[in-house]
Amino acid sequence: MNSRSNIPEVFILTGEPKGKEFDPVFASRNKLPDSISEAKVRLNYSEHKDALTKLKNIDNINIIDPISYLCKNKQCKTRDEKRGFFYRDNNHMRPWYSIQENSYLNRIFTT
C-alpha cells in the first residue's frame, strides 16, 4: 500500500461554465445575451465551495478552476460572431472550442 508521501501531486478539476445560456437552441429561442456573469455561473457549483476551500490547504493538492480561465472580466461568453456558440448544449463544449480554450489542462500533463 502506498503512503500518501509517495504521491507527488493531485489535481482536482472543477466544473466548466454551464447553464441554459450556453445551450444554442434555448439561448436562440429566448434571445439570451452572448454572455453570463461569472457570479451566476459559479452558483451552479456553490455546494462545492466549502470543500474546495478546505482542500486548498492540503499539500500536493492542485485545484484547477476552468471558470477562472474561461471567463474574462467577470463575464462568461457563450458565443462569438465568427464561430457561433461555444457549447453544443448547456454543458458540453464543441470540440473546436475545447481545443482552443482548454490550455489550463496543460499543467496536468507537463508535470
PDB file of N, CA and C in Angstrom:
ATOM      1  N   MET A   1       0.843  -1.180   0.000  1.00  0.00           N
ATOM      2  CA  MET A   1       0.000   0.000   0.000  1.00  0.00           C
ATOM      3  C   MET A   1       0.888   1.243   0.000  1.00  0.00           C
ATOM      4  N   ASN A   2       0.586   2.175  -0.889  1.00  0.00           N
ATOM      5  CA  ASN A   2       1.366   3.398  -0.994  1.00  0.00           C
ATOM      6  C   ASN A   2       1.026   4.350   0.142  1.00  0.00           C
ATOM      7  N   SER A   3       2.054   4.973   0.660  1.00  0.00           N
ATOM      8  CA  SER A   3       1.777   6.014   1.650  1.00  0.00           C
ATOM      9  C   SER A   3       1.486   7.312   0.923  1.00  0.00           C
ATOM     10  N   ARG A   4       0.861   8.212   1.588  1.00  0.00           N
ATOM     11  CA  ARG A   4       0.475   9.494   0.994  1.00  0.00           C
ATOM     12  C   ARG A   4       1.694  10.275   0.545  1.00  0.00           C
ATOM     13  N   SER A   5       2.829  10.105   1.203  1.00  0.00           N
ATOM     14  CA  SER A   5       4.024  10.861   0.860  1.00  0.00           C
ATOM     15  C   SER A   5       4.586  10.467  -0.502  1.00  0.00           C
ATOM     16  N   ASN A   6       4.165   9.345  -1.051  1.00  0.00           N
ATOM     17  CA  ASN A   6       4.635   8.905  -2.369  1.00  0.00           C
ATOM     18  C   ASN A   6       3.852   9.547  -3.506  1.00  0.00           C
ATOM     19  N   ILE A   7       2.827  10.284  -3.206  1.00  0.00           N
ATOM     20  CA  ILE A   7       2.016  10.922  -4.235  1.00  0.00           C
ATOM     21  C   ILE A   7       2.575  12.312  -4.479  1.00  0.00           C
ATOM     22  N   PRO A   8       3.151  12.533  -5.672  1.00  0.00           N
ATOM     23  CA  PRO A   8       3.782  13.836  -5.920  1.00  0.00           C
ATOM     24  C   PRO A   8       2.785  14.994  -6.001  1.00  0.00           C
ATOM     25  N   GLU A   9       1.690  14.796  -6.717  1.00  0.00           N
ATOM     26  CA  GLU A   9       0.683  15.841  -6.863  1.00  0.00           C
ATOM     27  C   GLU A   9      -0.663  15.225  -7.191  1.00  0.00           C
ATOM     28  N   VAL A  10      -1.703  15.882  -6.722  1.00  0.00           N
ATOM     29  CA  VAL A  10      -3.066  15.505  -7.060  1.00  0.00           C
ATOM     30  C   VAL A  10      -3.727  16.739  -7.662  1.00  0.00           C
ATOM     31  N   PHE A  11      -4.375  16.548  -8.813  1.00  0.00           N
ATOM     32  CA  PHE A  11      -5.078  17.642  -9.465  1.00  0.00           C
ATOM     33  C   PHE A  11      -6.578  17.415  -9.347  1.00  0.00           C
ATOM     34  N   ILE A  12      -7.276  18.455  -8.952  1.00  0.00           N
ATOM     35  CA  ILE A  12      -8.735  18.419  -8.904  1.00  0.00           C
ATOM     36  C   ILE A  12      -9.223  19.436  -9.915  1.00  0.00           C
ATOM     37  N   LEU A  13      -9.983  18.955 -10.860  1.00  0.00           N
ATOM     38  CA  LEU A  13     -10.536  19.812 -11.906  1.00  0.00           C
ATOM     39  C   LEU A  13     -11.988  20.100 -11.566  1.00  0.00           C
ATOM     40  N   THR A  14     -12.284  21.362 -11.313  1.00  0.00           N
ATOM     41  CA  THR A  14     -13.663  21.734 -11.012  1.00  0.00           C
ATOM     42  C   THR A  14     -14.432  21.908 -12.326  1.00  0.00           C
ATOM     43  N   GLY A  15     -15.692  22.213 -12.244  1.00  0.00           N
ATOM     44  CA  GLY A  15     -16.549  22.269 -13.420  1.00  0.00           C
ATOM     45  C   GLY A  15     -16.344  23.497 -14.290  1.00  0.00           C
ATOM     46  N   GLU A  16     -16.647  23.308 -15.566  1.00  0.00           N
ATOM     47  CA  GLU A  16     -16.627  24.407 -16.522  1.00  0.00           C
ATOM     48  C   GLU A  16     -17.911  25.209 -16.394  1.00  0.00           C
ATOM     49  N   PRO A  17     -17.916  26.403 -16.983  1.00  0.00           N
ATOM     50  CA  PRO A  17     -19.172  27.153 -17.001  1.00  0.00           C
ATOM     51  C   PRO A  17     -20.273  26.315 -17.648  1.00  0.00           C
ATOM     52  N   LYS A  18     -21.464  26.375 -17.095  1.00  0.00           N
ATOM     53  CA  LYS A  18     -22.595  25.662 -17.668  1.00  0.00           C
ATOM     54  C   LYS A  18     -23.866  26.416 -17.325  1.00  0.00           C
ATOM     55  N   GLY A  19     -24.920  26.112 -18.044  1.00  0.00           N
ATOM     56  CA  GLY A  19     -26.209  26.733 -17.796  1.00  0.00           C
ATOM     57  C   GLY A  19     -26.996  26.873 -19.083  1.00  0.00           C
ATOM     58  N   LYS A  20     -28.254  27.208 -18.959  1.00  0.00           N
ATOM     59  CA  LYS A  20     -29.131  27.292 -20.126  1.00  0.00           C
ATOM     60  C   LYS A  20     -28.657  28.346 -21.119  1.00  0.00           C
ATOM     61  N   GLU A  21     -27.909  29.339 -20.642  1.00  0.00           N
ATOM     62  CA  GLU A  21     -27.396  30.380 -21.527  1.00  0.00           C
ATOM     63  C   GLU A  21     -26.402  29.840 -22.547  1.00  0.00           C
ATOM     64  N   PHE A  22     -25.778  28.699 -22.264  1.00  0.00           N
ATOM     65  CA  PHE A  22     -24.806  28.098 -23.171  1.00  0.00           C
ATOM     66  C   PHE A  22     -25.463  27.210 -24.224  1.00  0.00           C
ATOM     67  N   ASP A  23     -26.704  26.818 -23.995  1.00  0.00           N
ATOM     68  CA  ASP A  23     -27.429  25.941 -24.913  1.00  0.00           C
ATOM     69  C   ASP A  23     -27.873  26.750 -26.136  1.00  0.00           C
ATOM     70  N   PRO A  24     -27.329  26.421 -27.321  1.00  0.00           N
ATOM     71  CA  PRO A  24     -27.656  27.201 -28.517  1.00  0.00           C
ATOM     72  C   PRO A  24     -29.147  27.287 -28.818  1.00  0.00           C
ATOM     73  N   VAL A  25     -29.878  26.197 -28.693  1.00  0.00           N
ATOM     74  CA  VAL A  25     -31.302  26.188 -29.011  1.00  0.00           C
ATOM     75  C   VAL A  25     -32.070  27.057 -28.010  1.00  0.00           C
ATOM     76  N   PHE A  26     -31.839  26.829 -26.738  1.00  0.00           N
ATOM     77  CA  PHE A  26     -32.547  27.594 -25.706  1.00  0.00           C
ATOM     78  C   PHE A  26     -32.208  29.083 -25.800  1.00  0.00           C
ATOM     79  N   ALA A  27     -30.917  29.387 -25.929  1.00  0.00           N
ATOM     80  CA  ALA A  27     -30.486  30.789 -25.972  1.00  0.00           C
ATOM     81  C   ALA A  27     -31.036  31.512 -27.194  1.00  0.00           C
ATOM     82  N   SER A  28     -31.062  30.823 -28.331  1.00  0.00           N
ATOM     83  CA  SER A  28     -31.592  31.446 -29.546  1.00  0.00           C
ATOM     84  C   SER A  28     -33.093  31.678 -29.446  1.00  0.00           C
ATOM     85  N   ARG A  29     -33.806  30.668 -28.989  1.00  0.00           N
ATOM     86  CA  ARG A  29     -35.262  30.795 -28.872  1.00  0.00           C
ATOM     87  C   ARG A  29     -35.677  31.879 -27.887  1.00  0.00           C
ATOM     88  N   ASN A  30     -34.865  32.071 -26.864  1.00  0.00           N
ATOM     89  CA  ASN A  30     -35.206  33.038 -25.819  1.00  0.00           C
ATOM     90  C   ASN A  30     -34.429  34.337 -25.934  1.00  0.00           C
ATOM     91  N   LYS A  31     -33.697  34.490 -27.041  1.00  0.00           N
ATOM     92  CA  LYS A  31     -32.951  35.729 -27.317  1.00  0.00           C
ATOM     93  C   LYS A  31     -32.079  36.154 -26.132  1.00  0.00           C
ATOM     94  N   LEU A  32     -31.332  35.170 -25.587  1.00  0.00           N
ATOM     95  CA  LEU A  32     -30.454  35.450 -24.458  1.00  0.00           C
ATOM     96  C   LEU A  32     -29.191  36.159 -24.942  1.00  0.00           C
ATOM     97  N   PRO A  33     -28.589  36.976 -24.087  1.00  0.00           N
ATOM     98  CA  PRO A  33     -27.361  37.673 -24.478  1.00  0.00           C
ATOM     99  C   PRO A  33     -26.200  36.704 -24.680  1.00  0.00           C
ATOM    100  N   ASP A  34     -25.105  37.208 -25.254  1.00  0.00           N
ATOM    101  CA  ASP A  34     -23.970  36.349 -25.579  1.00  0.00           C
ATOM    102  C   ASP A  34     -23.002  36.136 -24.418  1.00  0.00           C
ATOM    103  N   SER A  35     -23.410  36.502 -23.215  1.00  0.00           N
ATOM    104  CA  SER A  35     -22.573  36.235 -22.045  1.00  0.00           C
ATOM    105  C   SER A  35     -23.448  36.101 -20.800  1.00  0.00           C
ATOM    106  N   ILE A  36     -22.845  35.544 -19.772  1.00  0.00           N
ATOM    107  CA  ILE A  36     -23.497  35.370 -18.476  1.00  0.00           C
ATOM    108  C   ILE A  36     -22.471  35.790 -17.425  1.00  0.00           C
ATOM    109  N   SER A  37     -22.907  36.328 -16.329  1.00  0.00           N
ATOM    110  CA  SER A  37     -21.950  36.775 -15.313  1.00  0.00           C
ATOM    111  C   SER A  37     -21.247  35.574 -14.685  1.00  0.00           C
ATOM    112  N   GLU A  38     -19.991  35.772 -14.360  1.00  0.00           N
ATOM    113  CA  GLU A  38     -19.221  34.722 -13.691  1.00  0.00           C
ATOM    114  C   GLU A  38     -19.879  34.336 -12.371  1.00  0.00           C
ATOM    115  N   ALA A  39     -20.410  35.308 -11.667  1.00  0.00           N
ATOM    116  CA  ALA A  39     -21.075  35.034 -10.387  1.00  0.00           C
ATOM    117  C   ALA A  39     -22.256  34.075 -10.571  1.00  0.00           C
ATOM    118  N   LYS A  40     -23.033  34.268 -11.624  1.00  0.00           N
ATOM    119  CA  LYS A  40     -24.174  33.389 -11.876  1.00  0.00           C
ATOM    120  C   LYS A  40     -23.710  31.980 -12.239  1.00  0.00           C
ATOM    121  N   VAL A  41     -22.652  31.885 -13.034  1.00  0.00           N
ATOM    122  CA  VAL A  41     -22.107  30.575 -13.395  1.00  0.00           C
ATOM    123  C   VAL A  41     -21.633  29.839 -12.146  1.00  0.00           C
ATOM    124  N   ARG A  42     -20.991  30.554 -11.252  1.00  0.00           N
ATOM    125  CA  ARG A  42     -20.461  29.921 -10.031  1.00  0.00           C
ATOM    126  C   ARG A  42     -21.573  29.413  -9.108  1.00  0.00           C
ATOM    127  N   LEU A  43     -22.783  29.941  -9.227  1.00  0.00           N
ATOM    128  CA  LEU A  43     -23.898  29.449  -8.411  1.00  0.00           C
ATOM    129  C   LEU A  43     -24.157  27.963  -8.662  1.00  0.00           C
ATOM    130  N   ASN A  44     -23.859  27.478  -9.872  1.00  0.00           N
ATOM    131  CA  ASN A  44     -24.037  26.050 -10.177  1.00  0.00           C
ATOM    132  C   ASN A  44     -23.123  25.163  -9.337  1.00  0.00           C
ATOM    133  N   TYR A  45     -22.072  25.746  -8.781  1.00  0.00           N
ATOM    134  CA  TYR A  45     -21.094  24.976  -8.018  1.00  0.00           C
ATOM    135  C   TYR A  45     -20.989  25.440  -6.568  1.00  0.00           C
ATOM    136  N   SER A  46     -21.981  26.143  -6.074  1.00  0.00           N
ATOM    137  CA  SER A  46     -21.897  26.715  -4.726  1.00  0.00           C
ATOM    138  C   SER A  46     -21.724  25.651  -3.642  1.00  0.00           C
ATOM    139  N   GLU A  47     -22.293  24.466  -3.822  1.00  0.00           N
ATOM    140  CA  GLU A  47     -22.172  23.425  -2.799  1.00  0.00           C
ATOM    141  C   GLU A  47     -20.753  22.883  -2.685  1.00  0.00           C
ATOM    142  N   HIS A  48     -19.923  23.122  -3.697  1.00  0.00           N
ATOM    143  CA  HIS A  48     -18.544  22.637  -3.664  1.00  0.00           C
ATOM    144  C   HIS A  48     -17.581  23.621  -3.010  1.00  0.00           C
ATOM    145  N   LYS A  49     -18.017  24.835  -2.804  1.00  0.00           N
ATOM    146  CA  LYS A  49     -17.135  25.906  -2.344  1.00  0.00           C
ATOM    147  C   LYS A  49     -16.438  25.579  -1.017  1.00  0.00           C
ATOM    148  N   ASP A  50     -17.164  25.121  -0.017  1.00  0.00           N
ATOM    149  CA  ASP A  50     -16.566  24.820   1.285  1.00  0.00           C
ATOM    150  C   ASP A  50     -15.548  23.695   1.199  1.00  0.00           C
ATOM    151  N   ALA A  51     -15.890  22.644   0.479  1.00  0.00           N
ATOM    152  CA  ALA A  51     -14.961  21.515   0.343  1.00  0.00           C
ATOM    153  C   ALA A  51     -13.680  21.949  -0.357  1.00  0.00           C
ATOM    154  N   LEU A  52     -13.799  22.743  -1.409  1.00  0.00           N
ATOM    155  CA  LEU A  52     -12.617  23.191  -2.142  1.00  0.00           C
ATOM    156  C   LEU A  52     -11.745  24.103  -1.295  1.00  0.00           C
ATOM    157  N   THR A  53     -12.359  24.920  -0.460  1.00  0.00           N
ATOM    158  CA  THR A  53     -11.590  25.791   0.430  1.00  0.00           C
ATOM    159  C   THR A  53     -10.738  24.965   1.378  1.00  0.00           C
ATOM    160  N   LYS A  54     -11.285  23.879   1.898  1.00  0.00           N
ATOM    161  CA  LYS A  54     -10.531  23.004   2.795  1.00  0.00           C
ATOM    162  C   LYS A  54      -9.406  22.281   2.059  1.00  0.00           C
ATOM    163  N   LEU A  55      -9.639  21.886   0.830  1.00  0.00           N
ATOM    164  CA  LEU A  55      -8.625  21.154   0.069  1.00  0.00           C
ATOM    165  C   LEU A  55      -7.432  22.024  -0.313  1.00  0.00           C
ATOM    166  N   LYS A  56      -7.653  23.315  -0.455  1.00  0.00           N
ATOM    167  CA  LYS A  56      -6.557  24.214  -0.840  1.00  0.00           C
ATOM    168  C   LYS A  56      -5.428  24.207   0.179  1.00  0.00           C
ATOM    169  N   ASN A  57      -5.717  23.843   1.407  1.00  0.00           N
ATOM    170  CA  ASN A  57      -4.713  23.864   2.469  1.00  0.00           C
ATOM    171  C   ASN A  57      -3.951  22.548   2.622  1.00  0.00           C
ATOM    172  N   ILE A  58      -4.220  21.585   1.775  1.00  0.00           N
ATOM    173  CA  ILE A  58      -3.547  20.288   1.848  1.00  0.00           C
ATOM    174  C   ILE A  58      -2.381  20.282   0.865  1.00  0.00           C
ATOM    175  N   ASP A  59      -1.226  19.809   1.336  1.00  0.00           N
ATOM    176  CA  ASP A  59      -0.047  19.732   0.469  1.00  0.00           C
ATOM    177  C   ASP A  59      -0.312  18.849  -0.742  1.00  0.00           C
ATOM    178  N   ASN A  60       0.278  19.221  -1.855  1.00  0.00           N
ATOM    179  CA  ASN A  60       0.246  18.463  -3.107  1.00  0.00           C
ATOM    180  C   ASN A  60      -1.131  18.401  -3.772  1.00  0.00           C
ATOM    181  N   ILE A  61      -2.066  19.215  -3.329  1.00  0.00           N
ATOM    182  CA  ILE A  61      -3.376  19.287  -3.972  1.00  0.00           C
ATOM    183  C   ILE A  61      -3.398  20.547  -4.830  1.00  0.00           C
ATOM    184  N   ASN A  62      -3.686  20.378  -6.101  1.00  0.00           N
ATOM    185  CA  ASN A  62      -3.777  21.499  -7.035  1.00  0.00           C
ATOM    186  C   ASN A  62      -5.193  21.549  -7.587  1.00  0.00           C
ATOM    187  N   ILE A  63      -5.856  22.655  -7.352  1.00  0.00           N
ATOM    188  CA  ILE A  63      -7.217  22.816  -7.844  1.00  0.00           C
ATOM    189  C   ILE A  63      -7.171  23.663  -9.100  1.00  0.00           C
ATOM    190  N   ILE A  64      -7.720  23.123 -10.171  1.00  0.00           N
ATOM    191  CA  ILE A  64      -7.788  23.841 -11.435  1.00  0.00           C
ATOM    192  C   ILE A  64      -9.237  24.256 -11.648  1.00  0.00           C
ATOM    193  N   ASP A  65      -9.426  25.548 -11.762  1.00  0.00           N
ATOM    194  CA  ASP A  65     -10.762  26.124 -11.877  1.00  0.00           C
ATOM    195  C   ASP A  65     -10.976  26.647 -13.299  1.00  0.00           C
ATOM    196  N   PRO A  66     -11.624  25.871 -14.175  1.00  0.00           N
ATOM    197  CA  PRO A  66     -11.846  26.307 -15.551  1.00  0.00           C
ATOM    198  C   PRO A  66     -12.579  27.639 -15.675  1.00  0.00           C
ATOM    199  N   ILE A  67     -13.462  27.933 -14.741  1.00  0.00           N
ATOM    200  CA  ILE A  67     -14.210  29.191 -14.816  1.00  0.00           C
ATOM    201  C   ILE A  67     -13.250  30.378 -14.790  1.00  0.00           C
ATOM    202  N   SER A  68     -12.215  30.273 -13.975  1.00  0.00           N
ATOM    203  CA  SER A  68     -11.230  31.356 -13.908  1.00  0.00           C
ATOM    204  C   SER A  68     -10.529  31.578 -15.243  1.00  0.00           C
ATOM    205  N   TYR A  69     -10.365  30.513 -16.009  1.00  0.00           N
ATOM    206  CA  TYR A  69      -9.690  30.610 -17.307  1.00  0.00           C
ATOM    207  C   TYR A  69     -10.646  31.000 -18.437  1.00  0.00           C
ATOM    208  N   LEU A  70     -11.861  30.509 -18.371  1.00  0.00           N
ATOM    209  CA  LEU A  70     -12.788  30.692 -19.486  1.00  0.00           C
ATOM    210  C   LEU A  70     -13.612  31.972 -19.397  1.00  0.00           C
ATOM    211  N   CYS A  71     -13.705  32.543 -18.232  1.00  0.00           N
ATOM    212  CA  CYS A  71     -14.475  33.774 -18.057  1.00  0.00           C
ATOM    213  C   CYS A  71     -13.509  34.943 -17.898  1.00  0.00           C
ATOM    214  N   LYS A  72     -13.745  35.991 -18.641  1.00  0.00           N
ATOM    215  CA  LYS A  72     -12.885  37.176 -18.610  1.00  0.00           C
ATOM    216  C   LYS A  72     -13.693  38.377 -18.144  1.00  0.00           C
ATOM    217  N   ASN A  73     -13.066  39.225 -17.353  1.00  0.00           N
ATOM    218  CA  ASN A  73     -13.720  40.451 -16.886  1.00  0.00           C
ATOM    219  C   ASN A  73     -15.071  40.187 -16.233  1.00  0.00           C
ATOM    220  N   LYS A  74     -15.132  39.098 -15.448  1.00  0.00           N
ATOM    221  CA  LYS A  74     -16.344  38.733 -14.696  1.00  0.00           C
ATOM    222  C   LYS A  74     -17.519  38.325 -15.587  1.00  0.00           C
ATOM    223  N   GLN A  75     -17.247  38.035 -16.861  1.00  0.00           N
ATOM    224  CA  GLN A  75     -18.287  37.590 -17.789  1.00  0.00           C
ATOM    225  C   GLN A  75     -17.834  36.304 -18.481  1.00  0.00           C
ATOM    226  N   CYS A  76     -18.782  35.406 -18.702  1.00  0.00           N
ATOM    227  CA  CYS A  76     -18.522  34.170 -19.426  1.00  0.00           C
ATOM    228  C   CYS A  76     -19.240  34.272 -20.769  1.00  0.00           C
ATOM    229  N   LYS A  77     -18.477  34.371 -21.821  1.00  0.00           N
ATOM    230  CA  LYS A  77     -19.058  34.453 -23.159  1.00  0.00           C
ATOM    231  C   LYS A  77     -19.648  33.094 -23.533  1.00  0.00           C
ATOM    232  N   THR A  78     -20.752  33.107 -24.253  1.00  0.00           N
ATOM    233  CA  THR A  78     -21.392  31.866 -24.687  1.00  0.00           C
ATOM    234  C   THR A  78     -21.172  31.609 -26.177  1.00  0.00           C
ATOM    235  N   ARG A  79     -20.761  32.659 -26.900  1.00  0.00           N
ATOM    236  CA  ARG A  79     -20.576  32.539 -28.348  1.00  0.00           C
ATOM    237  C   ARG A  79     -19.823  33.769 -28.857  1.00  0.00           C
ATOM    238  N   ASP A  80     -19.407  33.657 -30.115  1.00  0.00           N
ATOM    239  CA  ASP A  80     -18.832  34.822 -30.771  1.00  0.00           C
ATOM    240  C   ASP A  80     -19.408  34.924 -32.184  1.00  0.00           C
ATOM    241  N   GLU A  81     -19.193  36.048 -32.810  1.00  0.00           N
ATOM    242  CA  GLU A  81     -19.779  36.279 -34.136  1.00  0.00           C
ATOM    243  C   GLU A  81     -19.164  35.393 -35.209  1.00  0.00           C
ATOM    244  N   LYS A  82     -17.910  35.051 -35.073  1.00  0.00           N
ATOM    245  CA  LYS A  82     -17.211  34.286 -36.109  1.00  0.00           C
ATOM    246  C   LYS A  82     -17.611  32.807 -36.142  1.00  0.00           C
ATOM    247  N   ARG A  83     -17.596  32.142 -34.973  1.00  0.00           N
ATOM    248  CA  ARG A  83     -17.806  30.689 -34.936  1.00  0.00           C
ATOM    249  C   ARG A  83     -19.116  30.260 -34.296  1.00  0.00           C
ATOM    250  N   GLY A  84     -19.827  31.177 -33.715  1.00  0.00           N
ATOM    251  CA  GLY A  84     -21.110  30.822 -33.107  1.00  0.00           C
ATOM    252  C   GLY A  84     -20.974  30.368 -31.662  1.00  0.00           C
ATOM    253  N   PHE A  85     -21.886  29.496 -31.242  1.00  0.00           N
ATOM    254  CA  PHE A  85     -21.932  29.037 -29.852  1.00  0.00           C
ATOM    255  C   PHE A  85     -20.731  28.159 -29.521  1.00  0.00           C
ATOM    256  N   PHE A  86     -20.229  28.321 -28.298  1.00  0.00           N
ATOM    257  CA  PHE A  86     -19.076  27.560 -27.819  1.00  0.00           C
ATOM    258  C   PHE A  86     -19.457  26.152 -27.354  1.00  0.00           C
ATOM    259  N   TYR A  87     -20.735  25.959 -27.013  1.00  0.00           N
ATOM    260  CA  TYR A  87     -21.201  24.680 -26.491  1.00  0.00           C
ATOM    261  C   TYR A  87     -22.233  24.088 -27.453  1.00  0.00           C
ATOM    262  N   ARG A  88     -22.392  22.760 -27.410  1.00  0.00           N
ATOM    263  CA  ARG A  88     -23.413  22.112 -28.244  1.00  0.00           C
ATOM    264  C   ARG A  88     -24.724  21.941 -27.493  1.00  0.00           C
ATOM    265  N   ASP A  89     -24.664  22.048 -26.156  1.00  0.00           N
ATOM    266  CA  ASP A  89     -25.856  22.044 -25.313  1.00  0.00           C
ATOM    267  C   ASP A  89     -25.517  22.870 -24.079  1.00  0.00           C
ATOM    268  N   ASN A  90     -26.183  22.639 -22.975  1.00  0.00           N
ATOM    269  CA  ASN A  90     -25.969  23.523 -21.819  1.00  0.00           C
ATOM    270  C   ASN A  90     -24.684  23.281 -21.040  1.00  0.00           C
ATOM    271  N   ASN A  91     -23.959  22.185 -21.312  1.00  0.00           N
ATOM    272  CA  ASN A  91     -22.728  21.943 -20.555  1.00  0.00           C
ATOM    273  C   ASN A  91     -21.659  21.133 -21.295  1.00  0.00           C
ATOM    274  N   HIS A  92     -21.757  21.002 -22.596  1.00  0.00           N
ATOM    275  CA  HIS A  92     -20.739  20.279 -23.370  1.00  0.00           C
ATOM    276  C   HIS A  92     -20.146  21.196 -24.433  1.00  0.00           C
ATOM    277  N   MET A  93     -18.835  21.408 -24.320  1.00  0.00           N
ATOM    278  CA  MET A  93     -18.147  22.273 -25.272  1.00  0.00           C
ATOM    279  C   MET A  93     -18.079  21.631 -26.650  1.00  0.00           C
ATOM    280  N   ARG A  94     -18.101  22.474 -27.667  1.00  0.00           N
ATOM    281  CA  ARG A  94     -17.843  21.998 -29.019  1.00  0.00           C
ATOM    282  C   ARG A  94     -16.356  21.664 -29.118  1.00  0.00           C
ATOM    283  N   PRO A  95     -15.979  20.653 -29.896  1.00  0.00           N
ATOM    284  CA  PRO A  95     -14.563  20.253 -29.974  1.00  0.00           C
ATOM    285  C   PRO A  95     -13.617  21.397 -30.316  1.00  0.00           C
ATOM    286  N   TRP A  96     -13.970  22.247 -31.275  1.00  0.00           N
ATOM    287  CA  TRP A  96     -13.072  23.341 -31.654  1.00  0.00           C
ATOM    288  C   TRP A  96     -12.836  24.297 -30.489  1.00  0.00           C
ATOM    289  N   TYR A  97     -13.878  24.539 -29.695  1.00  0.00           N
ATOM    290  CA  TYR A  97     -13.741  25.452 -28.556  1.00  0.00           C
ATOM    291  C   TYR A  97     -12.887  24.815 -27.462  1.00  0.00           C
ATOM    292  N   SER A  98     -13.113  23.552 -27.228  1.00  0.00           N
ATOM    293  CA  SER A  98     -12.333  22.843 -26.225  1.00  0.00           C
ATOM    294  C   SER A  98     -10.844  22.866 -26.580  1.00  0.00           C
ATOM    295  N   ILE A  99     -10.525  22.572 -27.815  1.00  0.00           N
ATOM    296  CA  ILE A  99      -9.123  22.593 -28.266  1.00  0.00           C
ATOM    297  C   ILE A  99      -8.538  23.994 -28.120  1.00  0.00           C
ATOM    298  N   GLN A 100      -9.314  24.971 -28.480  1.00  0.00           N
ATOM    299  CA  GLN A 100      -8.855  26.366 -28.448  1.00  0.00           C
ATOM    300  C   GLN A 100      -8.639  26.878 -27.023  1.00  0.00           C
ATOM    301  N   GLU A 101      -9.503  26.507 -26.099  1.00  0.00           N
ATOM    302  CA  GLU A 101      -9.518  27.141 -24.782  1.00  0.00           C
ATOM    303  C   GLU A 101      -9.043  26.293 -23.606  1.00  0.00           C
ATOM    304  N   ASN A 102      -8.849  25.026 -23.769  1.00  0.00           N
ATOM    305  CA  ASN A 102      -8.525  24.184 -22.618  1.00  0.00           C
ATOM    306  C   ASN A 102      -7.036  24.096 -22.301  1.00  0.00           C
ATOM    307  N   SER A 103      -6.305  25.153 -22.557  1.00  0.00           N
ATOM    308  CA  SER A 103      -4.879  25.165 -22.235  1.00  0.00           C
ATOM    309  C   SER A 103      -4.632  25.087 -20.726  1.00  0.00           C
ATOM    310  N   TYR A 104      -5.638  25.383 -19.924  1.00  0.00           N
ATOM    311  CA  TYR A 104      -5.480  25.275 -18.473  1.00  0.00           C
ATOM    312  C   TYR A 104      -5.184  23.841 -18.041  1.00  0.00           C
ATOM    313  N   LEU A 105      -5.439  22.876 -18.908  1.00  0.00           N
ATOM    314  CA  LEU A 105      -5.132  21.474 -18.592  1.00  0.00           C
ATOM    315  C   LEU A 105      -3.658  21.132 -18.824  1.00  0.00           C
ATOM    316  N   ASN A 106      -2.943  21.969 -19.514  1.00  0.00           N
ATOM    317  CA  ASN A 106      -1.546  21.689 -19.839  1.00  0.00           C
ATOM    318  C   ASN A 106      -0.704  21.415 -18.605  1.00  0.00           C
ATOM    319  N   ARG A 107      -0.946  22.106 -17.524  1.00  0.00           N
ATOM    320  CA  ARG A 107      -0.110  21.911 -16.319  1.00  0.00           C
ATOM    321  C   ARG A 107      -0.250  20.513 -15.741  1.00  0.00           C
ATOM    322  N   ILE A 108      -1.359  19.838 -16.010  1.00  0.00           N
ATOM    323  CA  ILE A 108      -1.519  18.459 -15.548  1.00  0.00           C
ATOM    324  C   ILE A 108      -0.563  17.544 -16.314  1.00  0.00           C
ATOM    325  N   PHE A 109      -0.449  17.770 -17.603  1.00  0.00           N
ATOM    326  CA  PHE A 109       0.307  16.863 -18.458  1.00  0.00           C
ATOM    327  C   PHE A 109       1.785  17.212 -18.570  1.00  0.00           C
ATOM    328  N   THR A 110       2.194  18.354 -18.048  1.00  0.00           N
ATOM    329  CA  THR A 110       3.590  18.760 -18.167  1.00  0.00           C
ATOM    330  C   THR A 110       4.354  18.637 -16.863  1.00  0.00           C
ATOM    331  N   THR A 111       3.736  18.085 -15.819  1.00  0.00           N
ATOM    332  CA  THR A 111       4.439  17.936 -14.548  1.00  0.00           C
ATOM    333  C   THR A 111       5.055  16.576 -14.428  1.00  0.00           C
TER     334      THR A 111
END
